[in-house]
């Protein structure tokens, strides 16, 4: 199959490398110093599941010359979605499946507005990975799961073929019969931990080891779960307990991509994470004090150009760049 990877950073670069290694045709779309490095020496992906080197020829250099792919995987930052997808429309044909691996609960609606609802499949991913240098992606741990399903809950031959190709490439793939529910489940987990790692400057392990911060993480997820209920989403019994147990299995030195963006002074996805929880909760009359506080505290840094501090007053340091 042919895959376009729109946003060949941490998430897109990793999954693109798995598909390339399995023999599929993969076209990488990147920008900035990362794209320049790929153009010179290719994309290097380090992983405990096997390193992969993708040659410079996999980088898209002239979008106008591109032809439709079987699946366009969207992995750009949410604030760039509409512009990036419009630019990549030469890769979208009548039979192209468009699949977002982005964060947030509005992403599929954004794609549908540009590409058409009939082409968009819902999907979420669970992975810890980061761009550790221009042209280099590092996958931390062994978790690399994609949960995907048709937006109407029905079967799709195109989606089935794409998921079969991904599974054949060694990706942990799960077909969902309720992708809206699964998107909310990821959103609840991600918005809580992304917000807390950015807000505190601490790693997952440091947060979970502190009783107060661990309780705060649980509280943030409980706020998200309450909002989901108000939005008509039926979550599994014991969902928050299960998510807390899952977080305990993740690498303790992991930080969210938003935390690392904050430390670099880059723009944040705040408006689509804790900001979205706070905004929707206010509209529906749901209490969300933790997310509201995180959103308000980080708001001055949302457009980039600033640095944040740990609670102990020291500047947030680098560490391993990770994307939840």
C-alpha atoms as a PDB file:
ATOM      1  CA  UNK A   1       0.000   0.000   0.000  1.00  0.00           C
ATOM      2  CA  UNK A   2       1.009   3.632  -0.284  1.00  0.00           C
ATOM      3  CA  UNK A   3       1.012   5.811   2.833  1.00  0.00           C
ATOM      4  CA  UNK A   4       1.448   9.550   3.152  1.00  0.00           C
ATOM      5  CA  UNK A   5       2.713  10.677   6.552  1.00  0.00           C
ATOM      6  CA  UNK A   6       1.639  14.270   7.051  1.00  0.00           C
ATOM      7  CA  UNK A   7       3.872  15.341   9.912  1.00  0.00           C
ATOM      8  CA  UNK A   8       6.831  12.944  10.030  1.00  0.00           C
ATOM      9  CA  UNK A   9       7.828  13.893  13.562  1.00  0.00           C
ATOM     10  CA  UNK A  10       7.727  11.683  16.635  1.00  0.00           C
ATOM     11  CA  UNK A  11       4.448   9.854  16.002  1.00  0.00           C
ATOM     12  CA  UNK A  12       4.260  10.042  12.204  1.00  0.00           C
ATOM     13  CA  UNK A  13       7.943   9.269  11.770  1.00  0.00           C
ATOM     14  CA  UNK A  14       7.748   6.189  13.971  1.00  0.00           C
ATOM     15  CA  UNK A  15       4.708   4.652  12.285  1.00  0.00           C
ATOM     16  CA  UNK A  16       6.005   5.592   8.848  1.00  0.00           C
ATOM     17  CA  UNK A  17       9.208   3.699   9.604  1.00  0.00           C
ATOM     18  CA  UNK A  18       7.310   0.553  10.612  1.00  0.00           C
ATOM     19  CA  UNK A  19       5.311   0.627   7.383  1.00  0.00           C
ATOM     20  CA  UNK A  20       8.434   1.317   5.302  1.00  0.00           C
ATOM     21  CA  UNK A  21      10.281  -1.558   6.942  1.00  0.00           C
ATOM     22  CA  UNK A  22       7.380  -3.867   6.037  1.00  0.00           C
ATOM     23  CA  UNK A  23       7.736  -2.975   2.350  1.00  0.00           C
ATOM     24  CA  UNK A  24       5.000  -0.380   1.902  1.00  0.00           C
ATOM     25  CA  UNK A  25       5.570   2.816  -0.066  1.00  0.00           C
ATOM     26  CA  UNK A  26       5.835   5.676   2.436  1.00  0.00           C
ATOM     27  CA  UNK A  27       6.003   9.393   1.618  1.00  0.00           C
ATOM     28  CA  UNK A  28       7.118  11.635   4.469  1.00  0.00           C
ATOM     29  CA  UNK A  29       5.969  15.240   4.812  1.00  0.00           C
ATOM     30  CA  UNK A  30       8.022  17.299   7.256  1.00  0.00           C
ATOM     31  CA  UNK A  31       9.225  20.851   7.675  1.00  0.00           C
ATOM     32  CA  UNK A  32      11.975  22.967   9.205  1.00  0.00           C
ATOM     33  CA  UNK A  33      15.286  21.591  10.424  1.00  0.00           C
ATOM     34  CA  UNK A  34      13.782  18.105  10.698  1.00  0.00           C
ATOM     35  CA  UNK A  35      12.891  18.086   6.984  1.00  0.00           C
ATOM     36  CA  UNK A  36      16.299  19.487   6.053  1.00  0.00           C
ATOM     37  CA  UNK A  37      18.019  16.671   7.944  1.00  0.00           C
ATOM     38  CA  UNK A  38      15.824  14.019   6.300  1.00  0.00           C
ATOM     39  CA  UNK A  39      16.627  15.514   2.882  1.00  0.00           C
ATOM     40  CA  UNK A  40      20.357  15.186   3.611  1.00  0.00           C
ATOM     41  CA  UNK A  41      20.690  11.848   5.395  1.00  0.00           C
ATOM     42  CA  UNK A  42      17.203  10.335   5.733  1.00  0.00           C
ATOM     43  CA  UNK A  43      15.076   9.621   8.784  1.00  0.00           C
ATOM     44  CA  UNK A  44      16.567   7.472  11.547  1.00  0.00           C
ATOM     45  CA  UNK A  45      14.178   5.829  14.000  1.00  0.00           C
ATOM     46  CA  UNK A  46      15.541   4.227  17.159  1.00  0.00           C
ATOM     47  CA  UNK A  47      13.325   1.698  18.925  1.00  0.00           C
ATOM     48  CA  UNK A  48      13.618  -1.355  21.151  1.00  0.00           C
ATOM     49  CA  UNK A  49      11.445  -3.007  18.499  1.00  0.00           C
ATOM     50  CA  UNK A  50      14.121  -2.439  15.856  1.00  0.00           C
ATOM     51  CA  UNK A  51      15.880   0.586  14.369  1.00  0.00           C
ATOM     52  CA  UNK A  52      14.889   1.780  10.899  1.00  0.00           C
ATOM     53  CA  UNK A  53      16.650   4.058   8.418  1.00  0.00           C
ATOM     54  CA  UNK A  54      14.451   5.718   5.778  1.00  0.00           C
ATOM     55  CA  UNK A  55      16.349   7.222   2.831  1.00  0.00           C
ATOM     56  CA  UNK A  56      16.086  10.866   1.753  1.00  0.00           C
ATOM     57  CA  UNK A  57      14.022   9.771  -1.246  1.00  0.00           C
ATOM     58  CA  UNK A  58      11.036   9.126   1.049  1.00  0.00           C
ATOM     59  CA  UNK A  59      10.718  12.868   1.791  1.00  0.00           C
ATOM     60  CA  UNK A  60       8.107  14.773  -0.227  1.00  0.00           C
ATOM     61  CA  UNK A  61       9.791  17.809  -1.769  1.00  0.00           C
ATOM     62  CA  UNK A  62       7.151  19.007  -4.249  1.00  0.00           C
ATOM     63  CA  UNK A  63       3.569  18.438  -3.091  1.00  0.00           C
ATOM     64  CA  UNK A  64       2.143  19.551  -6.443  1.00  0.00           C
ATOM     65  CA  UNK A  65       3.822  16.533  -8.059  1.00  0.00           C
ATOM     66  CA  UNK A  66       2.327  14.023  -5.624  1.00  0.00           C
ATOM     67  CA  UNK A  67      -0.410  11.531  -6.512  1.00  0.00           C
ATOM     68  CA  UNK A  68      -3.138  10.094  -4.244  1.00  0.00           C
ATOM     69  CA  UNK A  69      -2.111   7.577  -1.600  1.00  0.00           C
ATOM     70  CA  UNK A  70      -4.105   4.708  -0.126  1.00  0.00           C
ATOM     71  CA  UNK A  71      -3.938   6.232   3.350  1.00  0.00           C
ATOM     72  CA  UNK A  72      -2.955   9.691   4.536  1.00  0.00           C
ATOM     73  CA  UNK A  73      -1.840   9.566   8.173  1.00  0.00           C
ATOM     74  CA  UNK A  74      -2.144  12.994   9.799  1.00  0.00           C
ATOM     75  CA  UNK A  75       0.247  13.650  12.686  1.00  0.00           C
ATOM     76  CA  UNK A  76       0.838  17.421  12.640  1.00  0.00           C
ATOM     77  CA  UNK A  77       0.136  19.655  15.620  1.00  0.00           C
ATOM     78  CA  UNK A  78      -3.578  20.400  15.940  1.00  0.00           C
ATOM     79  CA  UNK A  79      -3.169  24.116  15.340  1.00  0.00           C
ATOM     80  CA  UNK A  80      -1.654  23.306  11.917  1.00  0.00           C
ATOM     81  CA  UNK A  81      -4.272  20.761  10.814  1.00  0.00           C
ATOM     82  CA  UNK A  82      -6.437  22.651   8.324  1.00  0.00           C
ATOM     83  CA  UNK A  83      -3.546  24.378   6.546  1.00  0.00           C
ATOM     84  CA  UNK A  84      -1.409  21.233   6.419  1.00  0.00           C
ATOM     85  CA  UNK A  85      -4.204  19.032   5.050  1.00  0.00           C
ATOM     86  CA  UNK A  86      -5.163  21.592   2.400  1.00  0.00           C
ATOM     87  CA  UNK A  87      -1.539  21.649   1.282  1.00  0.00           C
ATOM     88  CA  UNK A  88      -1.521  17.845   1.108  1.00  0.00           C
ATOM     89  CA  UNK A  89      -4.736  17.523  -0.949  1.00  0.00           C
ATOM     90  CA  UNK A  90      -2.791  16.254  -4.010  1.00  0.00           C
ATOM     91  CA  UNK A  91      -2.249  13.085  -1.921  1.00  0.00           C
ATOM     92  CA  UNK A  92      -5.992  12.680  -1.276  1.00  0.00           C
ATOM     93  CA  UNK A  93      -8.024  10.933  -3.976  1.00  0.00           C
ATOM     94  CA  UNK A  94     -11.550   9.470  -4.112  1.00  0.00           C
ATOM     95  CA  UNK A  95     -10.372   6.228  -2.482  1.00  0.00           C
ATOM     96  CA  UNK A  96      -7.895   7.673   0.017  1.00  0.00           C
ATOM     97  CA  UNK A  97      -8.504   6.950   3.685  1.00  0.00           C
ATOM     98  CA  UNK A  98      -7.538   9.882   5.921  1.00  0.00           C
ATOM     99  CA  UNK A  99      -6.595   8.920   9.470  1.00  0.00           C
ATOM    100  CA  UNK A 100      -5.568  11.321  12.221  1.00  0.00           C
ATOM    101  CA  UNK A 101      -3.236  10.187  15.010  1.00  0.00           C
ATOM    102  CA  UNK A 102      -3.431  13.600  16.644  1.00  0.00           C
ATOM    103  CA  UNK A 103      -4.547  14.538  20.122  1.00  0.00           C
ATOM    104  CA  UNK A 104      -7.870  16.159  20.933  1.00  0.00           C
ATOM    105  CA  UNK A 105     -11.538  15.433  20.296  1.00  0.00           C
ATOM    106  CA  UNK A 106     -12.105  17.926  17.475  1.00  0.00           C
ATOM    107  CA  UNK A 107      -9.481  16.571  15.077  1.00  0.00           C
ATOM    108  CA  UNK A 108     -11.713  14.350  12.932  1.00  0.00           C
ATOM    109  CA  UNK A 109     -14.236  17.132  12.424  1.00  0.00           C
ATOM    110  CA  UNK A 110     -11.402  19.387  11.230  1.00  0.00           C
ATOM    111  CA  UNK A 111     -10.309  16.728   8.733  1.00  0.00           C
ATOM    112  CA  UNK A 112     -13.853  16.114   7.515  1.00  0.00           C
ATOM    113  CA  UNK A 113     -14.291  19.811   6.723  1.00  0.00           C
ATOM    114  CA  UNK A 114     -11.289  19.699   4.392  1.00  0.00           C
ATOM    115  CA  UNK A 115     -11.325  16.148   2.999  1.00  0.00           C
ATOM    116  CA  UNK A 116     -14.968  15.105   3.258  1.00  0.00           C
ATOM    117  CA  UNK A 117     -16.563  12.994   5.971  1.00  0.00           C
ATOM    118  CA  UNK A 118     -16.622   9.889   3.779  1.00  0.00           C
ATOM    119  CA  UNK A 119     -12.809   9.737   3.661  1.00  0.00           C
ATOM    120  CA  UNK A 120     -12.096  10.170   7.380  1.00  0.00           C
ATOM    121  CA  UNK A 121     -11.617   7.284   9.814  1.00  0.00           C
ATOM    122  CA  UNK A 122     -11.339   7.914  13.521  1.00  0.00           C
ATOM    123  CA  UNK A 123      -8.160   6.835  15.275  1.00  0.00           C
ATOM    124  CA  UNK A 124      -6.058   7.373  18.376  1.00  0.00           C
ATOM    125  CA  UNK A 125      -2.568   6.203  19.240  1.00  0.00           C
ATOM    126  CA  UNK A 126      -0.711   5.344  22.416  1.00  0.00           C
ATOM    127  CA  UNK A 127       3.047   5.795  22.107  1.00  0.00           C
ATOM    128  CA  UNK A 128       6.003   7.493  23.768  1.00  0.00           C
ATOM    129  CA  UNK A 129       8.319   8.897  21.132  1.00  0.00           C
ATOM    130  CA  UNK A 130      10.170  12.079  20.351  1.00  0.00           C
ATOM    131  CA  UNK A 131      12.305  13.898  17.808  1.00  0.00           C
ATOM    132  CA  UNK A 132      15.609  13.742  19.694  1.00  0.00           C
ATOM    133  CA  UNK A 133      17.566  15.539  16.960  1.00  0.00           C
ATOM    134  CA  UNK A 134      16.728  16.786  13.455  1.00  0.00           C
ATOM    135  CA  UNK A 135      16.166  13.688  11.351  1.00  0.00           C
ATOM    136  CA  UNK A 136      16.133  11.378  14.389  1.00  0.00           C
ATOM    137  CA  UNK A 137      13.096   9.875  16.160  1.00  0.00           C
ATOM    138  CA  UNK A 138      13.418   7.842  19.364  1.00  0.00           C
ATOM    139  CA  UNK A 139      10.671   5.460  20.467  1.00  0.00           C
ATOM    140  CA  UNK A 140      10.676   4.979  24.257  1.00  0.00           C
ATOM    141  CA  UNK A 141       9.403   1.698  25.677  1.00  0.00           C
ATOM    142  CA  UNK A 142       7.490  -0.869  23.642  1.00  0.00           C
ATOM    143  CA  UNK A 143       3.979   0.610  23.572  1.00  0.00           C
ATOM    144  CA  UNK A 144       2.884   1.504  20.000  1.00  0.00           C
ATOM    145  CA  UNK A 145      -0.842   1.023  19.637  1.00  0.00           C
ATOM    146  CA  UNK A 146      -3.350   2.407  17.144  1.00  0.00           C
ATOM    147  CA  UNK A 147      -7.080   2.138  17.856  1.00  0.00           C
ATOM    148  CA  UNK A 148      -9.190   2.934  14.792  1.00  0.00           C
ATOM    149  CA  UNK A 149     -12.753   2.662  13.576  1.00  0.00           C
ATOM    150  CA  UNK A 150     -15.306   4.086  11.190  1.00  0.00           C
ATOM    151  CA  UNK A 151     -16.898   7.296  12.425  1.00  0.00           C
ATOM    152  CA  UNK A 152     -20.365   5.802  11.947  1.00  0.00           C
ATOM    153  CA  UNK A 153     -19.388   2.580  13.695  1.00  0.00           C
ATOM    154  CA  UNK A 154     -19.936   0.510  10.561  1.00  0.00           C
ATOM    155  CA  UNK A 155     -17.453  -1.665   8.662  1.00  0.00           C
ATOM    156  CA  UNK A 156     -15.197  -0.190   6.005  1.00  0.00           C
ATOM    157  CA  UNK A 157     -13.226  -2.189   3.450  1.00  0.00           C
ATOM    158  CA  UNK A 158     -10.721   0.650   3.079  1.00  0.00           C
ATOM    159  CA  UNK A 159     -10.162   0.858   6.820  1.00  0.00           C
ATOM    160  CA  UNK A 160      -9.898  -2.924   7.142  1.00  0.00           C
ATOM    161  CA  UNK A 161      -7.212  -3.019   4.439  1.00  0.00           C
ATOM    162  CA  UNK A 162      -5.214  -0.226   6.091  1.00  0.00           C
ATOM    163  CA  UNK A 163      -5.390  -1.849   9.526  1.00  0.00           C
ATOM    164  CA  UNK A 164      -4.333  -5.186   8.048  1.00  0.00           C
ATOM    165  CA  UNK A 165      -1.294  -3.500   6.494  1.00  0.00           C
ATOM    166  CA  UNK A 166      -0.426  -1.822   9.796  1.00  0.00           C
ATOM    167  CA  UNK A 167      -0.786  -5.056  11.746  1.00  0.00           C
ATOM    168  CA  UNK A 168       1.417  -6.797   9.191  1.00  0.00           C
ATOM    169  CA  UNK A 169       4.043  -4.121   9.856  1.00  0.00           C
ATOM    170  CA  UNK A 170       4.156  -5.111  13.523  1.00  0.00           C
ATOM    171  CA  UNK A 171       1.995  -2.247  14.797  1.00  0.00           C
ATOM    172  CA  UNK A 172      -0.359  -3.104  17.660  1.00  0.00           C
ATOM    173  CA  UNK A 173      -3.708  -2.414  15.979  1.00  0.00           C
ATOM    174  CA  UNK A 174      -7.163  -2.531  17.564  1.00  0.00           C
ATOM    175  CA  UNK A 175     -10.395  -2.116  15.586  1.00  0.00           C
ATOM    176  CA  UNK A 176     -12.979  -0.052  17.442  1.00  0.00           C
ATOM    177  CA  UNK A 177     -16.738  -0.344  17.102  1.00  0.00           C
ATOM    178  CA  UNK A 178     -17.131   3.006  18.913  1.00  0.00           C
ATOM    179  CA  UNK A 179     -14.256   5.266  17.958  1.00  0.00           C
ATOM    180  CA  UNK A 180     -15.929   8.331  19.462  1.00  0.00           C
ATOM    181  CA  UNK A 181     -15.811   6.658  22.875  1.00  0.00           C
ATOM    182  CA  UNK A 182     -12.210   5.560  22.344  1.00  0.00           C
ATOM    183  CA  UNK A 183     -11.214   9.053  21.215  1.00  0.00           C
ATOM    184  CA  UNK A 184     -12.657  10.452  24.434  1.00  0.00           C
ATOM    185  CA  UNK A 185     -10.843   7.815  26.479  1.00  0.00           C
ATOM    186  CA  UNK A 186      -7.515   8.871  24.974  1.00  0.00           C
ATOM    187  CA  UNK A 187      -8.428  12.534  25.360  1.00  0.00           C
ATOM    188  CA  UNK A 188      -9.223  12.158  29.061  1.00  0.00           C
ATOM    189  CA  UNK A 189      -5.907  10.435  29.726  1.00  0.00           C
ATOM    190  CA  UNK A 190      -3.837  12.693  27.467  1.00  0.00           C
ATOM    191  CA  UNK A 191      -5.311  16.020  28.542  1.00  0.00           C
ATOM    192  CA  UNK A 192      -4.716  15.157  32.204  1.00  0.00           C
ATOM    193  CA  UNK A 193      -1.128  13.950  31.913  1.00  0.00           C
ATOM    194  CA  UNK A 194      -0.124  16.422  29.222  1.00  0.00           C
ATOM    195  CA  UNK A 195      -1.393  19.275  31.341  1.00  0.00           C
ATOM    196  CA  UNK A 196       0.293  18.065  34.532  1.00  0.00           C
ATOM    197  CA  UNK A 197       3.706  17.298  33.016  1.00  0.00           C
ATOM    198  CA  UNK A 198       3.698  20.724  31.346  1.00  0.00           C
ATOM    199  CA  UNK A 199       2.366  22.537  34.411  1.00  0.00           C
ATOM    200  CA  UNK A 200       4.863  20.983  36.847  1.00  0.00           C
ATOM    201  CA  UNK A 201       7.833  20.342  34.544  1.00  0.00           C
ATOM    202  CA  UNK A 202       8.068  16.880  36.122  1.00  0.00           C
ATOM    203  CA  UNK A 203       8.274  13.434  34.547  1.00  0.00           C
ATOM    204  CA  UNK A 204       5.481  10.876  34.723  1.00  0.00           C
ATOM    205  CA  UNK A 205       7.397   8.952  37.369  1.00  0.00           C
ATOM    206  CA  UNK A 206       7.906  12.027  39.528  1.00  0.00           C
ATOM    207  CA  UNK A 207       4.217  12.913  39.345  1.00  0.00           C
ATOM    208  CA  UNK A 208       3.034   9.393  40.139  1.00  0.00           C
ATOM    209  CA  UNK A 209       5.469   9.029  43.052  1.00  0.00           C
ATOM    210  CA  UNK A 210       4.150  12.146  44.789  1.00  0.00           C
ATOM    211  CA  UNK A 211       0.865  11.416  46.639  1.00  0.00           C
ATOM    212  CA  UNK A 212      -0.555  14.897  46.075  1.00  0.00           C
ATOM    213  CA  UNK A 213       0.320  15.015  42.385  1.00  0.00           C
ATOM    214  CA  UNK A 214      -0.882  11.438  41.855  1.00  0.00           C
ATOM    215  CA  UNK A 215      -4.225  12.425  43.353  1.00  0.00           C
ATOM    216  CA  UNK A 216      -4.236  15.511  41.129  1.00  0.00           C
ATOM    217  CA  UNK A 217      -3.677  13.325  38.052  1.00  0.00           C
ATOM    218  CA  UNK A 218      -6.608  11.141  39.085  1.00  0.00           C
ATOM    219  CA  UNK A 219      -8.729  14.209  39.732  1.00  0.00           C
ATOM    220  CA  UNK A 220      -7.963  15.624  36.287  1.00  0.00           C
ATOM    221  CA  UNK A 221      -9.059  12.359  34.673  1.00  0.00           C
ATOM    222  CA  UNK A 222     -12.196  12.261  36.794  1.00  0.00           C
ATOM    223  CA  UNK A 223     -13.033  15.761  35.534  1.00  0.00           C
ATOM    224  CA  UNK A 224     -12.579  14.542  31.945  1.00  0.00           C
ATOM    225  CA  UNK A 225     -14.736  11.484  32.620  1.00  0.00           C
ATOM    226  CA  UNK A 226     -17.514  13.653  34.064  1.00  0.00           C
ATOM    227  CA  UNK A 227     -17.373  15.869  30.986  1.00  0.00           C
ATOM    228  CA  UNK A 228     -17.545  12.825  28.711  1.00  0.00           C
ATOM    229  CA  UNK A 229     -20.695  11.711  30.504  1.00  0.00           C
ATOM    230  CA  UNK A 230     -22.231  15.132  30.006  1.00  0.00           C
ATOM    231  CA  UNK A 231     -21.341  14.869  26.304  1.00  0.00           C
ATOM    232  CA  UNK A 232     -23.224  11.550  26.054  1.00  0.00           C
ATOM    233  CA  UNK A 233     -20.170   9.254  26.088  1.00  0.00           C
ATOM    234  CA  UNK A 234     -20.571   5.990  28.005  1.00  0.00           C
ATOM    235  CA  UNK A 235     -17.219   5.025  29.505  1.00  0.00           C
ATOM    236  CA  UNK A 236     -16.402   1.543  30.831  1.00  0.00           C
ATOM    237  CA  UNK A 237     -16.907   0.929  34.546  1.00  0.00           C
ATOM    238  CA  UNK A 238     -13.646   1.584  36.381  1.00  0.00           C
ATOM    239  CA  UNK A 239     -12.205   3.605  33.499  1.00  0.00           C
ATOM    240  CA  UNK A 240     -10.163   6.011  35.648  1.00  0.00           C
ATOM    241  CA  UNK A 241      -8.743   3.138  37.734  1.00  0.00           C
ATOM    242  CA  UNK A 242      -7.695   1.351  34.549  1.00  0.00           C
ATOM    243  CA  UNK A 243      -6.036   4.491  33.152  1.00  0.00           C
ATOM    244  CA  UNK A 244      -4.095   5.053  36.368  1.00  0.00           C
ATOM    245  CA  UNK A 245      -2.878   1.459  36.211  1.00  0.00           C
ATOM    246  CA  UNK A 246      -1.891   1.972  32.554  1.00  0.00           C
ATOM    247  CA  UNK A 247       0.110   5.109  33.361  1.00  0.00           C
ATOM    248  CA  UNK A 248       2.090   3.090  35.907  1.00  0.00           C
ATOM    249  CA  UNK A 249       3.347   0.887  33.040  1.00  0.00           C
ATOM    250  CA  UNK A 250       4.753   3.807  31.020  1.00  0.00           C
ATOM    251  CA  UNK A 251       8.437   4.832  31.145  1.00  0.00           C
ATOM    252  CA  UNK A 252       8.935   6.836  34.329  1.00  0.00           C
ATOM    253  CA  UNK A 253      11.136   9.416  32.574  1.00  0.00           C
ATOM    254  CA  UNK A 254       8.477  10.302  30.000  1.00  0.00           C
ATOM    255  CA  UNK A 255       7.092  13.795  29.534  1.00  0.00           C
ATOM    256  CA  UNK A 256       4.297  14.919  27.272  1.00  0.00           C
ATOM    257  CA  UNK A 257       4.987  16.615  23.960  1.00  0.00           C
ATOM    258  CA  UNK A 258       3.321  19.749  25.359  1.00  0.00           C
ATOM    259  CA  UNK A 259       5.765  19.791  28.281  1.00  0.00           C
ATOM    260  CA  UNK A 260       8.681  19.602  25.873  1.00  0.00           C
ATOM    261  CA  UNK A 261       7.175  22.257  23.600  1.00  0.00           C
ATOM    262  CA  UNK A 262       6.884  24.470  26.662  1.00  0.00           C
ATOM    263  CA  UNK A 263      10.512  23.941  27.644  1.00  0.00           C
ATOM    264  CA  UNK A 264      11.594  24.906  24.097  1.00  0.00           C
ATOM    265  CA  UNK A 265       9.370  27.962  23.932  1.00  0.00           C
ATOM    266  CA  UNK A 266       7.304  26.395  21.135  1.00  0.00           C
ATOM    267  CA  UNK A 267       3.520  26.904  20.662  1.00  0.00           C
ATOM    268  CA  UNK A 268       1.329  24.608  22.749  1.00  0.00           C
ATOM    269  CA  UNK A 269      -1.713  22.436  22.020  1.00  0.00           C
ATOM    270  CA  UNK A 270      -3.218  23.814  25.236  1.00  0.00           C
ATOM    271  CA  UNK A 271      -6.446  25.048  23.612  1.00  0.00           C
ATOM    272  CA  UNK A 272      -7.225  21.521  22.387  1.00  0.00           C
ATOM    273  CA  UNK A 273      -6.361  19.735  25.660  1.00  0.00           C
ATOM    274  CA  UNK A 274      -6.916  21.242  29.128  1.00  0.00           C
ATOM    275  CA  UNK A 275      -8.309  24.337  27.433  1.00  0.00           C
ATOM    276  CA  UNK A 276     -10.906  22.216  25.637  1.00  0.00           C
ATOM    277  CA  UNK A 277     -11.912  20.510  28.891  1.00  0.00           C
ATOM    278  CA  UNK A 278     -12.291  23.855  30.659  1.00  0.00           C
ATOM    279  CA  UNK A 279     -14.223  25.405  27.770  1.00  0.00           C
ATOM    280  CA  UNK A 280     -16.635  22.507  27.271  1.00  0.00           C
ATOM    281  CA  UNK A 281     -17.109  21.997  31.016  1.00  0.00           C
ATOM    282  CA  UNK A 282     -18.076  25.615  31.511  1.00  0.00           C
ATOM    283  CA  UNK A 283     -20.618  25.388  28.703  1.00  0.00           C
ATOM    284  CA  UNK A 284     -22.202  22.248  30.174  1.00  0.00           C
ATOM    285  CA  UNK A 285     -21.984  23.265  33.835  1.00  0.00           C
ATOM    286  CA  UNK A 286     -19.456  20.546  34.752  1.00  0.00           C
ATOM    287  CA  UNK A 287     -16.838  21.224  37.440  1.00  0.00           C
ATOM    288  CA  UNK A 288     -13.256  21.140  36.092  1.00  0.00           C
ATOM    289  CA  UNK A 289     -11.088  23.169  38.516  1.00  0.00           C
ATOM    290  CA  UNK A 290      -7.839  21.280  37.788  1.00  0.00           C
ATOM    291  CA  UNK A 291      -8.032  21.659  34.014  1.00  0.00           C
ATOM    292  CA  UNK A 292      -9.233  25.235  34.384  1.00  0.00           C
ATOM    293  CA  UNK A 293      -6.217  26.058  36.561  1.00  0.00           C
ATOM    294  CA  UNK A 294      -3.765  24.312  34.219  1.00  0.00           C
ATOM    295  CA  UNK A 295      -5.247  26.124  31.216  1.00  0.00           C
ATOM    296  CA  UNK A 296      -5.091  29.502  32.951  1.00  0.00           C
ATOM    297  CA  UNK A 297      -1.538  28.960  34.227  1.00  0.00           C
ATOM    298  CA  UNK A 298      -0.161  27.908  30.853  1.00  0.00           C
ATOM    299  CA  UNK A 299      -2.172  30.392  28.778  1.00  0.00           C
ATOM    300  CA  UNK A 300       0.651  32.998  28.677  1.00  0.00           C
ATOM    301  CA  UNK A 301       2.877  30.409  26.970  1.00  0.00           C
ATOM    302  CA  UNK A 302       0.294  29.040  24.499  1.00  0.00           C
ATOM    303  CA  UNK A 303       1.638  30.893  21.468  1.00  0.00           C
ATOM    304  CA  UNK A 304       5.263  30.068  22.258  1.00  0.00           C
ATOM    305  CA  UNK A 305       8.228  32.240  23.043  1.00  0.00           C
ATOM    306  CA  UNK A 306       8.288  31.653  26.797  1.00  0.00           C
ATOM    307  CA  UNK A 307       9.752  29.270  29.343  1.00  0.00           C
ATOM    308  CA  UNK A 308       8.067  27.624  32.298  1.00  0.00           C
ATOM    309  CA  UNK A 309       9.340  26.703  35.738  1.00  0.00           C
ATOM    310  CA  UNK A 310       9.154  23.750  38.065  1.00  0.00           C
ATOM    311  CA  UNK A 311       7.399  24.225  41.369  1.00  0.00           C
ATOM    312  CA  UNK A 312      10.876  24.386  43.000  1.00  0.00           C
ATOM    313  CA  UNK A 313      11.665  27.475  40.911  1.00  0.00           C
ATOM    314  CA  UNK A 314      14.247  26.006  38.532  1.00  0.00           C
ATOM    315  CA  UNK A 315      13.889  26.172  34.763  1.00  0.00           C
ATOM    316  CA  UNK A 316      12.446  23.074  33.140  1.00  0.00           C
ATOM    317  CA  UNK A 317      15.394  21.124  31.719  1.00  0.00           C
ATOM    318  CA  UNK A 318      15.546  18.987  28.592  1.00  0.00           C
ATOM    319  CA  UNK A 319      15.511  15.283  29.352  1.00  0.00           C
ATOM    320  CA  UNK A 320      14.068  12.744  26.981  1.00  0.00           C
ATOM    321  CA  UNK A 321      11.620  14.248  24.527  1.00  0.00           C
ATOM    322  CA  UNK A 322       8.433  12.219  24.684  1.00  0.00           C
ATOM    323  CA  UNK A 323       4.967  12.424  23.148  1.00  0.00           C
ATOM    324  CA  UNK A 324       2.025  10.816  24.918  1.00  0.00           C
END
